[in-house]
Every structure is written in structure tokens, then in C-alpha cells.
N, C-alpha and C. Protein backbone atom coordinates (compact mmCIF):
# COMPACT_ATOMS: atom_id res chain seq x y z
N MET A 1 17.21 1.27 9.60
CA MET A 1 16.68 0.82 8.41
C MET A 1 15.24 0.59 8.70
N LEU A 2 14.24 0.87 7.70
CA LEU A 2 12.90 0.52 7.99
C LEU A 2 12.61 -0.46 6.89
N ILE A 3 11.78 -1.31 7.11
CA ILE A 3 11.07 -2.38 6.44
C ILE A 3 9.71 -2.17 6.37
N GLU A 4 9.11 -2.87 5.04
CA GLU A 4 7.63 -2.91 5.01
C GLU A 4 7.16 -4.39 5.62
N ALA A 5 6.47 -4.25 6.53
CA ALA A 5 5.72 -5.57 7.08
C ALA A 5 4.53 -5.62 7.26
N LEU A 6 3.79 -6.77 7.35
CA LEU A 6 2.44 -7.05 7.56
C LEU A 6 1.70 -6.20 8.90
N LYS A 7 0.93 -5.57 8.73
CA LYS A 7 0.15 -4.75 9.73
C LYS A 7 -1.24 -5.39 10.15
N SER A 8 -2.03 -5.60 9.11
CA SER A 8 -3.40 -6.20 9.34
C SER A 8 -3.88 -7.12 8.22
N LYS A 9 -4.74 -8.03 8.48
CA LYS A 9 -5.26 -8.89 7.32
C LYS A 9 -6.51 -9.36 7.78
N ILE A 10 -7.63 -9.07 6.97
CA ILE A 10 -8.85 -9.62 7.02
C ILE A 10 -8.81 -10.86 5.95
N HIS A 11 -8.96 -11.97 6.53
CA HIS A 11 -8.70 -13.29 5.70
C HIS A 11 -10.00 -13.90 5.27
N ARG A 12 -10.09 -13.96 4.06
CA ARG A 12 -11.28 -14.70 3.39
C ARG A 12 -12.64 -14.07 3.69
N VAL A 13 -12.88 -12.93 3.25
CA VAL A 13 -14.26 -12.28 3.06
C VAL A 13 -14.68 -12.48 1.91
N LYS A 14 -16.10 -12.48 1.63
CA LYS A 14 -16.90 -12.65 0.58
C LYS A 14 -17.13 -11.10 -0.20
N VAL A 15 -17.01 -10.84 -1.17
CA VAL A 15 -17.33 -9.65 -2.02
C VAL A 15 -18.98 -9.65 -2.04
N THR A 16 -19.47 -8.39 -1.49
CA THR A 16 -21.02 -8.46 -1.31
C THR A 16 -21.48 -7.48 -2.54
N GLN A 17 -20.59 -6.42 -2.80
CA GLN A 17 -21.05 -5.53 -3.93
C GLN A 17 -19.93 -5.17 -4.79
N ALA A 18 -20.14 -4.78 -6.17
CA ALA A 18 -19.20 -4.13 -6.99
C ALA A 18 -19.73 -2.95 -7.70
N GLU A 19 -19.34 -1.78 -7.32
CA GLU A 19 -20.03 -0.64 -7.95
C GLU A 19 -19.02 0.20 -8.85
N LEU A 20 -19.23 -0.19 -10.15
CA LEU A 20 -18.19 0.28 -11.17
C LEU A 20 -18.27 1.85 -11.25
N HIS A 21 -19.30 2.40 -11.20
CA HIS A 21 -19.48 3.90 -11.22
C HIS A 21 -19.33 4.69 -9.83
N TYR A 22 -18.33 4.62 -9.44
CA TYR A 22 -18.17 4.99 -8.06
C TYR A 22 -16.82 5.79 -8.07
N VAL A 23 -16.37 6.45 -7.09
CA VAL A 23 -15.11 7.31 -7.23
C VAL A 23 -13.94 6.11 -6.98
N GLY A 24 -14.00 5.17 -6.43
CA GLY A 24 -12.98 4.12 -6.27
C GLY A 24 -12.58 3.87 -4.79
N SER A 25 -12.10 2.51 -4.53
CA SER A 25 -11.81 2.27 -3.17
C SER A 25 -12.54 0.90 -3.01
N ILE A 26 -12.41 0.34 -1.77
CA ILE A 26 -13.13 -0.55 -1.27
C ILE A 26 -13.82 -0.14 0.22
N THR A 27 -15.33 -0.60 0.16
CA THR A 27 -15.96 -0.16 1.47
C THR A 27 -16.19 -1.29 2.17
N ILE A 28 -15.61 -1.29 3.32
CA ILE A 28 -15.79 -2.42 4.43
C ILE A 28 -16.40 -2.10 5.75
N ASP A 29 -17.25 -3.09 6.20
CA ASP A 29 -17.95 -3.03 7.19
C ASP A 29 -17.19 -2.39 8.59
N GLU A 30 -17.53 -1.52 9.12
CA GLU A 30 -16.64 -0.81 10.37
C GLU A 30 -16.53 -1.93 11.32
N ASP A 31 -17.17 -2.91 11.55
CA ASP A 31 -16.85 -3.91 12.56
C ASP A 31 -15.53 -4.53 12.10
N LEU A 32 -15.39 -4.88 10.95
CA LEU A 32 -14.11 -5.67 10.31
C LEU A 32 -13.13 -4.69 10.32
N MET A 33 -13.23 -3.55 9.91
CA MET A 33 -12.19 -2.68 10.14
C MET A 33 -11.58 -2.41 11.47
N GLU A 34 -12.46 -2.38 12.34
CA GLU A 34 -12.19 -2.19 13.76
C GLU A 34 -11.25 -3.43 14.37
N ALA A 35 -11.73 -4.56 14.05
CA ALA A 35 -11.10 -5.83 14.52
C ALA A 35 -9.89 -6.28 13.98
N SER A 36 -9.70 -5.42 12.72
CA SER A 36 -8.48 -5.79 12.12
C SER A 36 -7.67 -4.64 12.09
N ASN A 37 -7.90 -3.52 12.95
CA ASN A 37 -6.96 -2.21 13.00
C ASN A 37 -6.52 -1.71 11.64
N ILE A 38 -7.64 -1.60 10.89
CA ILE A 38 -7.53 -0.70 9.37
C ILE A 38 -8.49 0.47 9.71
N ILE A 39 -7.87 1.61 9.08
CA ILE A 39 -8.53 2.82 9.49
C ILE A 39 -9.04 3.44 7.97
N GLU A 40 -10.09 4.27 8.05
CA GLU A 40 -10.53 4.79 6.97
C GLU A 40 -9.29 5.55 6.26
N ASN A 41 -9.45 5.37 4.81
CA ASN A 41 -8.45 6.16 3.91
C ASN A 41 -7.25 5.35 4.01
N GLU A 42 -7.09 4.30 4.61
CA GLU A 42 -5.71 3.57 4.71
C GLU A 42 -5.57 2.83 3.29
N LYS A 43 -4.23 2.69 2.95
CA LYS A 43 -3.98 1.83 1.64
C LYS A 43 -3.95 0.41 1.99
N VAL A 44 -4.76 -0.39 1.19
CA VAL A 44 -4.75 -1.68 1.28
C VAL A 44 -4.52 -2.51 -0.10
N GLN A 45 -4.11 -3.54 0.06
CA GLN A 45 -3.87 -4.73 -1.05
C GLN A 45 -5.17 -5.63 -0.97
N ILE A 46 -5.68 -5.77 -2.06
CA ILE A 46 -6.86 -6.92 -2.28
C ILE A 46 -6.10 -8.14 -3.06
N VAL A 47 -6.47 -9.31 -2.37
CA VAL A 47 -6.02 -10.24 -3.22
C VAL A 47 -7.16 -11.19 -3.22
N ASN A 48 -7.47 -11.54 -4.66
CA ASN A 48 -8.65 -12.16 -4.97
C ASN A 48 -8.52 -13.72 -5.26
N ILE A 49 -9.12 -14.57 -4.15
CA ILE A 49 -8.81 -15.90 -4.38
C ILE A 49 -9.38 -16.71 -5.54
N ASN A 50 -10.45 -15.92 -5.96
CA ASN A 50 -11.21 -16.75 -7.04
C ASN A 50 -10.29 -16.60 -8.56
N ASN A 51 -9.78 -15.49 -8.64
CA ASN A 51 -9.06 -15.38 -9.91
C ASN A 51 -7.70 -14.85 -10.00
N GLY A 52 -7.26 -14.64 -8.67
CA GLY A 52 -5.58 -14.22 -8.67
C GLY A 52 -5.40 -12.99 -8.79
N GLU A 53 -6.41 -12.11 -9.12
CA GLU A 53 -6.11 -10.67 -9.26
C GLU A 53 -5.53 -10.10 -7.77
N ARG A 54 -4.76 -8.98 -8.15
CA ARG A 54 -4.25 -8.34 -6.88
C ARG A 54 -4.24 -6.67 -7.33
N LEU A 55 -4.65 -5.99 -6.27
CA LEU A 55 -4.61 -4.60 -6.57
C LEU A 55 -4.67 -3.82 -5.13
N GLU A 56 -4.41 -2.49 -5.42
CA GLU A 56 -4.10 -1.86 -4.37
C GLU A 56 -5.26 -0.58 -4.36
N THR A 57 -5.77 -0.09 -3.30
CA THR A 57 -6.88 0.97 -3.22
C THR A 57 -6.79 1.50 -1.60
N TYR A 58 -7.78 2.19 -1.38
CA TYR A 58 -7.84 2.68 0.12
C TYR A 58 -9.32 2.40 0.43
N VAL A 59 -9.32 2.63 1.99
CA VAL A 59 -10.65 2.07 2.60
C VAL A 59 -11.62 3.18 2.70
N ILE A 60 -12.81 2.62 2.60
CA ILE A 60 -13.97 3.77 2.92
C ILE A 60 -14.50 2.77 4.02
N LYS A 61 -15.26 3.67 5.22
CA LYS A 61 -15.96 2.82 6.26
C LYS A 61 -17.60 2.55 5.68
N GLY A 62 -17.65 1.39 5.89
CA GLY A 62 -19.02 0.73 5.52
C GLY A 62 -19.65 0.78 6.81
N GLU A 63 -21.14 0.44 6.82
CA GLU A 63 -22.08 0.27 7.66
C GLU A 63 -21.79 -0.74 8.79
N ARG A 64 -21.62 -0.38 9.99
CA ARG A 64 -21.30 -1.26 11.10
C ARG A 64 -22.29 -2.42 11.00
N GLY A 65 -21.82 -3.84 11.26
CA GLY A 65 -22.85 -4.81 11.21
C GLY A 65 -23.36 -5.35 10.11
N SER A 66 -22.93 -4.63 8.83
CA SER A 66 -23.53 -5.03 7.63
C SER A 66 -22.94 -6.15 6.97
N GLY A 67 -21.53 -6.42 7.18
CA GLY A 67 -21.01 -7.43 6.47
C GLY A 67 -20.36 -7.00 5.12
N MET A 68 -20.82 -5.76 4.94
CA MET A 68 -20.33 -5.07 3.42
C MET A 68 -18.75 -5.28 3.17
N VAL A 69 -18.38 -5.74 1.82
CA VAL A 69 -17.15 -5.60 1.58
C VAL A 69 -17.64 -5.46 -0.17
N CYS A 70 -17.22 -4.11 -0.53
CA CYS A 70 -17.80 -3.59 -1.58
C CYS A 70 -16.54 -2.86 -2.43
N LEU A 71 -16.06 -3.52 -3.59
CA LEU A 71 -14.95 -3.09 -4.30
C LEU A 71 -15.72 -1.79 -5.23
N ASN A 72 -15.11 -0.80 -5.29
CA ASN A 72 -15.63 0.48 -6.13
C ASN A 72 -14.93 0.91 -7.23
N GLY A 73 -15.39 1.75 -8.17
CA GLY A 73 -14.55 2.06 -9.44
C GLY A 73 -13.94 1.07 -10.05
N PRO A 74 -12.73 1.36 -10.68
CA PRO A 74 -12.30 0.52 -11.62
C PRO A 74 -11.90 -0.90 -11.07
N ALA A 75 -11.68 -1.00 -9.59
CA ALA A 75 -11.35 -2.14 -8.75
C ALA A 75 -12.72 -3.14 -9.09
N ALA A 76 -13.77 -2.64 -9.21
CA ALA A 76 -15.09 -3.50 -9.40
C ALA A 76 -14.97 -4.39 -10.58
N ARG A 77 -14.01 -4.23 -11.50
CA ARG A 77 -13.77 -4.94 -12.60
C ARG A 77 -12.81 -6.21 -12.34
N LYS A 78 -12.31 -6.21 -11.39
CA LYS A 78 -11.63 -7.24 -10.98
C LYS A 78 -11.97 -8.26 -10.16
N VAL A 79 -13.39 -8.05 -9.49
CA VAL A 79 -13.95 -9.10 -8.91
C VAL A 79 -15.50 -9.44 -9.41
N GLN A 80 -15.98 -10.39 -8.82
CA GLN A 80 -17.41 -10.67 -8.99
C GLN A 80 -17.96 -10.79 -7.73
N VAL A 81 -19.21 -10.33 -7.48
CA VAL A 81 -19.98 -10.64 -6.29
C VAL A 81 -19.76 -12.02 -5.86
N GLY A 82 -19.81 -12.40 -4.67
CA GLY A 82 -19.44 -13.68 -4.16
C GLY A 82 -17.94 -14.22 -4.23
N ASP A 83 -17.02 -13.34 -4.90
CA ASP A 83 -15.73 -13.82 -4.78
C ASP A 83 -15.17 -13.65 -3.33
N ILE A 84 -14.18 -14.56 -3.05
CA ILE A 84 -13.45 -14.63 -1.60
C ILE A 84 -12.26 -13.72 -1.86
N ILE A 85 -11.86 -12.66 -0.86
CA ILE A 85 -10.69 -12.02 -1.14
C ILE A 85 -10.14 -11.83 0.12
N ILE A 86 -8.66 -11.44 0.07
CA ILE A 86 -7.86 -11.04 1.40
C ILE A 86 -7.64 -9.72 1.26
N ILE A 87 -7.71 -9.12 2.41
CA ILE A 87 -7.57 -7.57 2.43
C ILE A 87 -6.09 -7.29 3.42
N ILE A 88 -5.42 -6.78 2.86
CA ILE A 88 -3.97 -6.66 3.61
C ILE A 88 -3.52 -5.31 3.77
N SER A 89 -3.03 -4.84 4.99
CA SER A 89 -2.17 -3.64 4.97
C SER A 89 -0.87 -3.90 5.59
N TYR A 90 -0.13 -2.95 5.40
CA TYR A 90 1.31 -3.08 5.71
C TYR A 90 1.84 -1.60 6.28
N ALA A 91 2.77 -1.78 7.14
CA ALA A 91 3.56 -0.65 7.94
C ALA A 91 4.95 -0.45 7.95
N TYR A 92 5.29 0.51 7.66
CA TYR A 92 6.89 0.71 7.85
C TYR A 92 7.30 0.65 9.14
N LEU A 93 8.02 -0.19 9.41
CA LEU A 93 8.51 -0.45 10.89
C LEU A 93 10.28 -0.58 10.93
N ASP A 94 10.64 0.12 12.08
CA ASP A 94 12.32 -0.02 12.19
C ASP A 94 12.45 -1.72 12.19
N PHE A 95 13.66 -1.83 11.45
CA PHE A 95 14.01 -3.36 11.47
C PHE A 95 14.04 -4.10 12.62
N GLU A 96 14.62 -3.49 13.78
CA GLU A 96 14.50 -4.00 15.14
C GLU A 96 13.13 -4.42 15.74
N GLU A 97 12.21 -3.17 15.58
CA GLU A 97 10.96 -3.21 16.10
C GLU A 97 10.09 -4.36 15.40
N ALA A 98 10.32 -4.56 13.91
CA ALA A 98 9.54 -5.40 13.25
C ALA A 98 9.80 -6.88 13.87
N LYS A 99 11.03 -7.09 14.32
CA LYS A 99 11.31 -8.41 14.85
C LYS A 99 10.20 -9.06 15.87
N PHE A 100 9.61 -8.05 16.56
CA PHE A 100 8.62 -8.27 17.58
C PHE A 100 7.26 -7.82 17.49
N PHE A 101 7.15 -7.24 16.28
CA PHE A 101 5.70 -6.70 15.97
C PHE A 101 4.81 -7.73 15.75
N LYS A 102 3.57 -7.83 16.39
CA LYS A 102 2.75 -8.89 15.85
C LYS A 102 1.45 -8.15 14.97
N PRO A 103 1.25 -8.60 14.04
CA PRO A 103 0.12 -7.84 13.01
C PRO A 103 -1.14 -8.52 13.78
N THR A 104 -2.18 -7.67 13.32
CA THR A 104 -3.68 -8.07 13.56
C THR A 104 -4.15 -8.70 12.35
N LEU A 105 -4.72 -10.15 12.65
CA LEU A 105 -5.27 -10.92 11.55
C LEU A 105 -6.52 -11.48 12.22
N ILE A 106 -7.49 -11.29 11.23
CA ILE A 106 -8.95 -11.83 11.66
C ILE A 106 -9.31 -12.69 10.66
N PHE A 107 -10.43 -13.41 11.08
CA PHE A 107 -10.69 -14.75 10.17
C PHE A 107 -12.39 -14.51 10.21
N PRO A 108 -13.00 -13.83 9.45
CA PRO A 108 -14.46 -13.73 9.35
C PRO A 108 -15.15 -15.05 9.21
N ASN A 109 -16.45 -15.15 9.46
CA ASN A 109 -17.14 -16.45 8.82
C ASN A 109 -17.73 -16.10 7.39
N ALA A 110 -18.37 -17.13 7.01
CA ALA A 110 -18.69 -17.03 5.64
C ALA A 110 -19.65 -15.86 5.37
N ASN A 111 -20.25 -15.24 6.28
CA ASN A 111 -21.33 -14.25 6.18
C ASN A 111 -20.61 -12.68 6.46
N ASN A 112 -19.22 -12.82 6.52
CA ASN A 112 -18.41 -11.44 6.77
C ASN A 112 -18.52 -10.86 8.23
N LYS A 113 -18.85 -12.02 9.07
CA LYS A 113 -19.15 -11.68 10.54
C LYS A 113 -17.96 -12.09 11.42
N LEU A 114 -17.79 -11.51 12.52
CA LEU A 114 -16.74 -12.14 13.39
C LEU A 114 -17.44 -13.03 14.25
N ASN A 115 -16.68 -14.06 14.57
CA ASN A 115 -17.24 -15.19 15.54
C ASN A 115 -17.48 -14.61 16.85
């Protein structure tokens, strides 16, 4: 049996941009992606702490070291620049494997940088 379990989480990052007229997705600083074990094109869930919105999209690699967290396309309507969000990815794991799997969780600072 497979279950869906937490794989990665970027906890409390600030939205730096919202680009409505874009193909769609979320652009994330490559440093944050690497540290959280999230890859380009991976499906993620976005949870907006400021307004309670939840949405799913895919990841685009942003400039390394930029601190960029940009919601693109229709997702841009679900956030305001400055909102605090949580970015979550999940994986399907075998039930027994999931009991021992340790997700990657990162906690960037107020400037979307790693400490």
C-alpha cells in the first residue's frame, strides 16, 4: 500500500512578487529549493498564512541567492506581495517506508534566506 506523506516544507517565506500575466507556477530561489529537496517542475501546495488560501502549482527555479518567491499566473490573485506562505511537497511512499521517512523542513529568515 502507498500513502501520501510530507516530503518537503519551506516554512514561512515572504512573497516577493506576484505576476498575473505569466504562464503559471511559483518561482522559488534555487537556494531554497536545494535546501528543501524540491526540484523544478515538482508539484507543490501553497498555504497562505495571511488569508488562508490554499492552492497547488508547480515550481520554477528562481535566481540563486535572490530570496525570490513569486506566484505566477492565476495563483498571483491568491497572494499579496509581503504575504507569508508555506510551500509543501508530498511523496507517495510504501506504508512501511513512510514510518521511518524523515521529510526535509527548512525555516528561512525574514528575508527568505537560510541561516
